[in-house]
Protein backbone atom coordinates (compact mmCIF):
# COMPACT_ATOMS: atom_id res chain seq x y z
CA MET A 1 54.52 -14.85 -37.33
CA LYS A 2 52.30 -13.51 -40.18
CA PHE A 3 50.20 -16.54 -39.94
CA LEU A 4 48.98 -15.68 -36.47
CA THR A 5 47.95 -12.38 -37.58
CA ALA A 6 46.16 -13.65 -40.62
CA LEU A 7 44.61 -16.43 -38.52
CA MET A 8 43.12 -13.87 -35.90
CA GLY A 9 41.99 -11.69 -38.98
CA CYS A 10 40.16 -14.83 -40.46
CA ALA A 11 38.72 -15.96 -37.10
CA VAL A 12 37.39 -12.47 -36.11
CA LEU A 13 36.31 -11.11 -39.36
CA ALA A 14 35.13 -14.20 -41.25
CA LEU A 15 31.65 -13.83 -40.00
CA GLY A 16 30.97 -11.29 -42.61
CA THR A 17 29.47 -12.40 -45.87
CA ALA A 18 30.30 -11.07 -49.12
CA HIS A 19 26.77 -11.42 -50.60
CA ALA A 20 23.19 -11.44 -49.63
CA ALA A 21 22.86 -11.39 -45.71
CA ASP A 22 19.60 -12.96 -46.29
CA ALA A 23 21.24 -16.24 -47.22
CA ILE A 24 22.87 -16.56 -43.59
CA ASN A 25 20.94 -18.57 -41.14
CA ALA A 26 21.27 -16.45 -38.02
CA GLN A 27 19.06 -18.85 -35.98
CA ASP A 28 21.64 -21.49 -35.95
CA PRO A 29 25.13 -20.62 -34.71
CA ALA A 30 26.93 -23.38 -36.47
CA ALA A 31 25.14 -22.60 -39.86
CA LEU A 32 25.77 -19.03 -39.29
CA VAL A 33 29.50 -19.43 -39.06
CA GLN A 34 29.60 -22.04 -41.87
CA THR A 35 27.69 -20.01 -44.62
CA ALA A 36 29.21 -16.71 -43.47
CA ALA A 37 32.67 -17.83 -43.59
CA GLU A 38 32.34 -19.75 -46.93
CA ALA A 39 30.75 -16.56 -48.54
CA ILE A 40 33.49 -14.15 -47.69
CA LEU A 41 36.23 -16.76 -48.44
CA LYS A 42 34.97 -17.55 -51.70
CA ASP A 43 34.75 -13.87 -52.56
CA LEU A 44 38.32 -13.58 -51.33
CA ASP A 45 39.29 -16.41 -53.67
CA ALA A 46 37.68 -14.95 -56.71
CA ASN A 47 39.07 -11.39 -56.31
CA ARG A 48 42.56 -12.19 -54.41
CA GLU A 49 44.53 -10.12 -56.70
CA ALA A 50 42.31 -7.11 -56.67
CA TYR A 51 42.18 -7.11 -52.77
CA LYS A 52 45.93 -7.52 -52.69
CA LYS A 53 46.53 -4.55 -54.85
CA ASP A 54 44.07 -2.51 -52.77
CA PRO A 55 43.78 -3.77 -49.14
CA GLN A 56 41.13 -0.82 -48.34
CA LYS A 57 38.71 -2.88 -50.39
CA VAL A 58 39.15 -5.86 -47.83
CA ARG A 59 38.17 -3.48 -45.05
CA GLN A 60 35.21 -2.06 -47.09
CA LEU A 61 33.96 -5.67 -47.62
CA VAL A 62 34.21 -6.49 -43.88
CA ASP A 63 32.90 -3.24 -42.75
CA THR A 64 29.87 -3.68 -44.93
CA HIS A 65 28.96 -7.19 -44.00
CA LEU A 66 30.60 -8.04 -40.60
CA LEU A 67 28.44 -5.97 -38.38
CA PRO A 68 25.16 -8.02 -38.68
CA HIS A 69 26.94 -11.26 -37.33
CA PHE A 70 29.41 -9.91 -34.79
CA ASP A 71 28.15 -8.21 -31.49
CA VAL A 72 30.70 -5.47 -31.57
CA GLN A 73 29.13 -3.47 -28.50
CA TYR A 74 28.73 -6.66 -26.36
CA SER A 75 32.50 -7.76 -27.26
CA ALA A 76 33.56 -4.19 -26.45
CA ARG A 77 31.86 -4.40 -23.23
CA MET A 78 33.46 -7.54 -22.31
CA VAL A 79 36.83 -6.29 -23.23
CA LEU A 80 36.40 -3.28 -20.89
CA GLY A 81 35.16 -5.48 -18.09
CA ARG A 82 34.83 -3.48 -14.91
CA HIS A 83 35.71 -0.32 -16.58
CA TRP A 84 32.50 -0.53 -18.70
CA LYS A 85 30.47 0.59 -15.67
CA GLU A 86 33.11 3.35 -14.78
CA ALA A 87 32.99 4.71 -18.37
CA THR A 88 30.60 7.64 -19.38
CA PRO A 89 28.18 7.13 -22.25
CA ASP A 90 30.35 8.94 -24.52
CA GLN A 91 33.48 7.00 -23.65
CA ARG A 92 31.55 3.79 -24.34
CA ASP A 93 30.34 4.94 -27.81
CA ARG A 94 33.94 6.08 -28.65
CA PHE A 95 35.51 2.90 -27.53
CA ILE A 96 33.14 0.75 -29.52
CA LYS A 97 33.82 2.71 -32.59
CA ALA A 98 37.54 2.88 -32.10
CA PHE A 99 37.65 -0.80 -31.18
CA TYR A 100 35.79 -1.93 -34.20
CA GLN A 101 38.05 0.34 -36.61
CA SER A 102 41.12 -1.22 -34.88
CA MET A 103 39.85 -4.71 -35.73
CA LEU A 104 39.41 -3.65 -39.32
CA SER A 105 42.89 -1.94 -39.66
CA ASN A 106 44.72 -4.65 -37.87
CA TYR A 107 43.25 -7.80 -39.23
CA GLY A 108 41.26 -6.96 -42.34
CA THR A 109 44.15 -7.11 -44.79
CA ALA A 110 45.43 -10.33 -43.43
CA LEU A 111 42.36 -12.18 -44.85
CA ALA A 112 43.88 -11.62 -48.50
CA ASP A 113 46.27 -14.55 -47.63
CA PHE A 114 43.46 -16.97 -46.66
CA THR A 115 41.43 -19.60 -49.01
CA ALA A 116 38.04 -21.20 -48.44
CA GLY A 117 39.80 -24.70 -48.27
CA LYS A 118 41.72 -23.72 -44.98
CA MET A 119 38.80 -23.36 -42.78
CA LYS A 120 36.34 -26.28 -41.48
CA VAL A 121 33.37 -26.09 -39.17
CA LEU A 122 33.17 -29.01 -36.87
CA PRO A 123 29.76 -30.64 -36.09
CA SER A 124 27.91 -28.95 -33.30
CA LYS A 125 24.26 -28.26 -32.21
CA ALA A 126 22.84 -25.73 -29.85
CA GLU A 127 19.68 -26.79 -27.89
CA ALA A 128 16.42 -25.05 -29.05
CA ASP A 129 16.33 -22.93 -25.77
CA ALA A 130 20.06 -22.23 -25.50
CA GLU A 131 21.08 -18.64 -25.07
CA ARG A 132 24.71 -19.26 -25.68
CA ALA A 133 26.67 -21.68 -27.83
CA THR A 134 30.32 -22.47 -28.85
CA VAL A 135 30.87 -23.22 -32.62
CA ARG A 136 34.21 -25.11 -33.04
CA THR A 137 36.22 -24.86 -36.23
CA GLU A 138 39.70 -25.62 -37.50
CA ILE A 139 41.79 -23.54 -39.75
CA ARG A 140 44.87 -25.30 -41.31
CA ARG A 141 48.36 -23.75 -41.55
CA SER A 142 50.24 -24.15 -44.69
CA ASN A 143 51.97 -27.33 -43.58
CA GLY A 144 48.45 -28.94 -42.87
CA GLN A 145 48.55 -28.56 -39.06
CA PRO A 146 45.05 -27.88 -37.84
CA VAL A 147 44.61 -24.93 -35.39
CA PRO A 148 41.39 -25.08 -33.06
CA VAL A 149 39.31 -21.87 -33.36
CA ASN A 150 36.23 -21.63 -31.38
CA TYR A 151 33.50 -18.98 -31.72
CA SER A 152 31.51 -17.93 -28.54
CA MET A 153 27.96 -17.03 -29.65
CA HIS A 154 24.86 -15.67 -27.93
CA LYS A 155 21.25 -15.27 -28.93
CA THR A 156 20.01 -11.76 -29.64
CA ALA A 157 16.90 -10.30 -30.90
CA GLU A 158 18.31 -10.41 -34.40
CA GLY A 159 19.58 -14.00 -34.11
CA TRP A 160 22.89 -15.61 -33.07
CA LYS A 161 25.93 -13.39 -33.06
CA ALA A 162 29.52 -13.93 -32.33
CA TRP A 163 31.27 -11.94 -29.52
CA ASP A 164 34.37 -13.65 -28.93
CA VAL A 165 36.95 -16.10 -30.64
CA THR A 166 39.22 -18.51 -28.79
CA ILE A 167 42.38 -19.60 -30.93
CA GLU A 168 44.49 -22.51 -29.40
CA GLY A 169 43.00 -21.79 -25.90
CA ILE A 170 43.62 -17.96 -26.07
CA SER A 171 40.56 -15.89 -25.86
CA TYR A 172 40.36 -12.76 -28.03
CA VAL A 173 38.39 -10.87 -25.55
CA LYS A 174 40.46 -11.80 -22.53
CA SER A 175 43.68 -10.84 -24.22
CA PHE A 176 42.42 -7.46 -25.13
CA ARG A 177 40.90 -7.06 -21.56
CA ASP A 178 44.27 -7.80 -19.97
CA ASP A 179 45.84 -5.27 -22.47
CA PHE A 180 43.47 -2.46 -22.24
CA GLY A 181 42.69 -2.93 -18.40
CA SER A 182 46.24 -2.28 -17.28
CA GLU A 183 46.34 0.74 -19.35
CA ILE A 184 43.07 2.18 -18.30
CA ASP A 185 44.24 1.82 -14.85
CA GLN A 186 47.47 3.60 -15.46
CA LYS A 187 46.31 6.39 -17.97
CA GLY A 188 42.73 6.24 -18.06
CA MET A 189 39.93 5.45 -20.53
CA ASP A 190 40.55 8.33 -22.93
CA ALA A 191 44.12 7.45 -23.36
CA VAL A 192 43.26 4.21 -24.63
CA ILE A 193 40.43 5.38 -26.90
CA GLU A 194 42.83 7.98 -28.38
CA ARG A 195 45.47 5.28 -29.02
CA LEU A 196 42.99 3.16 -30.96
CA GLN A 197 41.95 6.21 -32.90
CA ARG A 198 45.33 6.85 -33.93
CA GLY A 199 45.45 3.54 -35.43
CA GLU A 200 48.16 2.02 -33.17
CA LYS A 201 47.99 -1.55 -32.62
CA PRO A 202 46.93 -3.02 -29.24
CA LYS A 203 49.65 -4.97 -27.47
CA ALA A 204 47.88 -8.25 -28.11
CA ALA A 205 47.80 -7.45 -31.92
CA ALA A 206 51.38 -6.37 -32.18
CA ALA A 207 52.60 -9.39 -30.25
CA SER A 208 50.75 -11.79 -32.60
CA ALA A 209 52.31 -10.11 -35.65
CA GLN A 210 55.72 -10.40 -34.31
CA SER A 211 55.77 -13.94 -32.77
């Protein structure tokens, strides 16, 4: 179902902000998600027709502003799991880049269907000395049904960053780790990297688009 692809796109990529990264409070995980998501979705509301005509602009928007708030390297490391230690430095670097570009390609254009009013950040507060936190949100379907979307966050030298998203109990990182792990075992790391570089959808992405 198209909604599921769009939902994953909104959840993973809404940590980008359309304007002024300085306005984002990276020292509080809930505030980071709230302000960043509101900013990018507000931009999408204002420029929806332009983004629909040229989906590449959505990917450029996210590419420019996602990176400060989503720990792509840590997420990629968690996706690879035990294979991270087995990979060479070059393979790790190529996987991170290909994984990120895959997210943009598969989910970026789905954001054009979302509006700011569909997302709600639920009250939460991290302890002052916490290194990890979960920010709970809801995204509403067109029929009004709320879908729980939880962001896994961790504290870095640059402030809080997201590294995983769980939608209705399904972890983005775990889904991709299961997908890539079996393929790496069968075909090797380079085969997975090359598949991502070719722009082919991971099985987890393809399944969500067809369900």
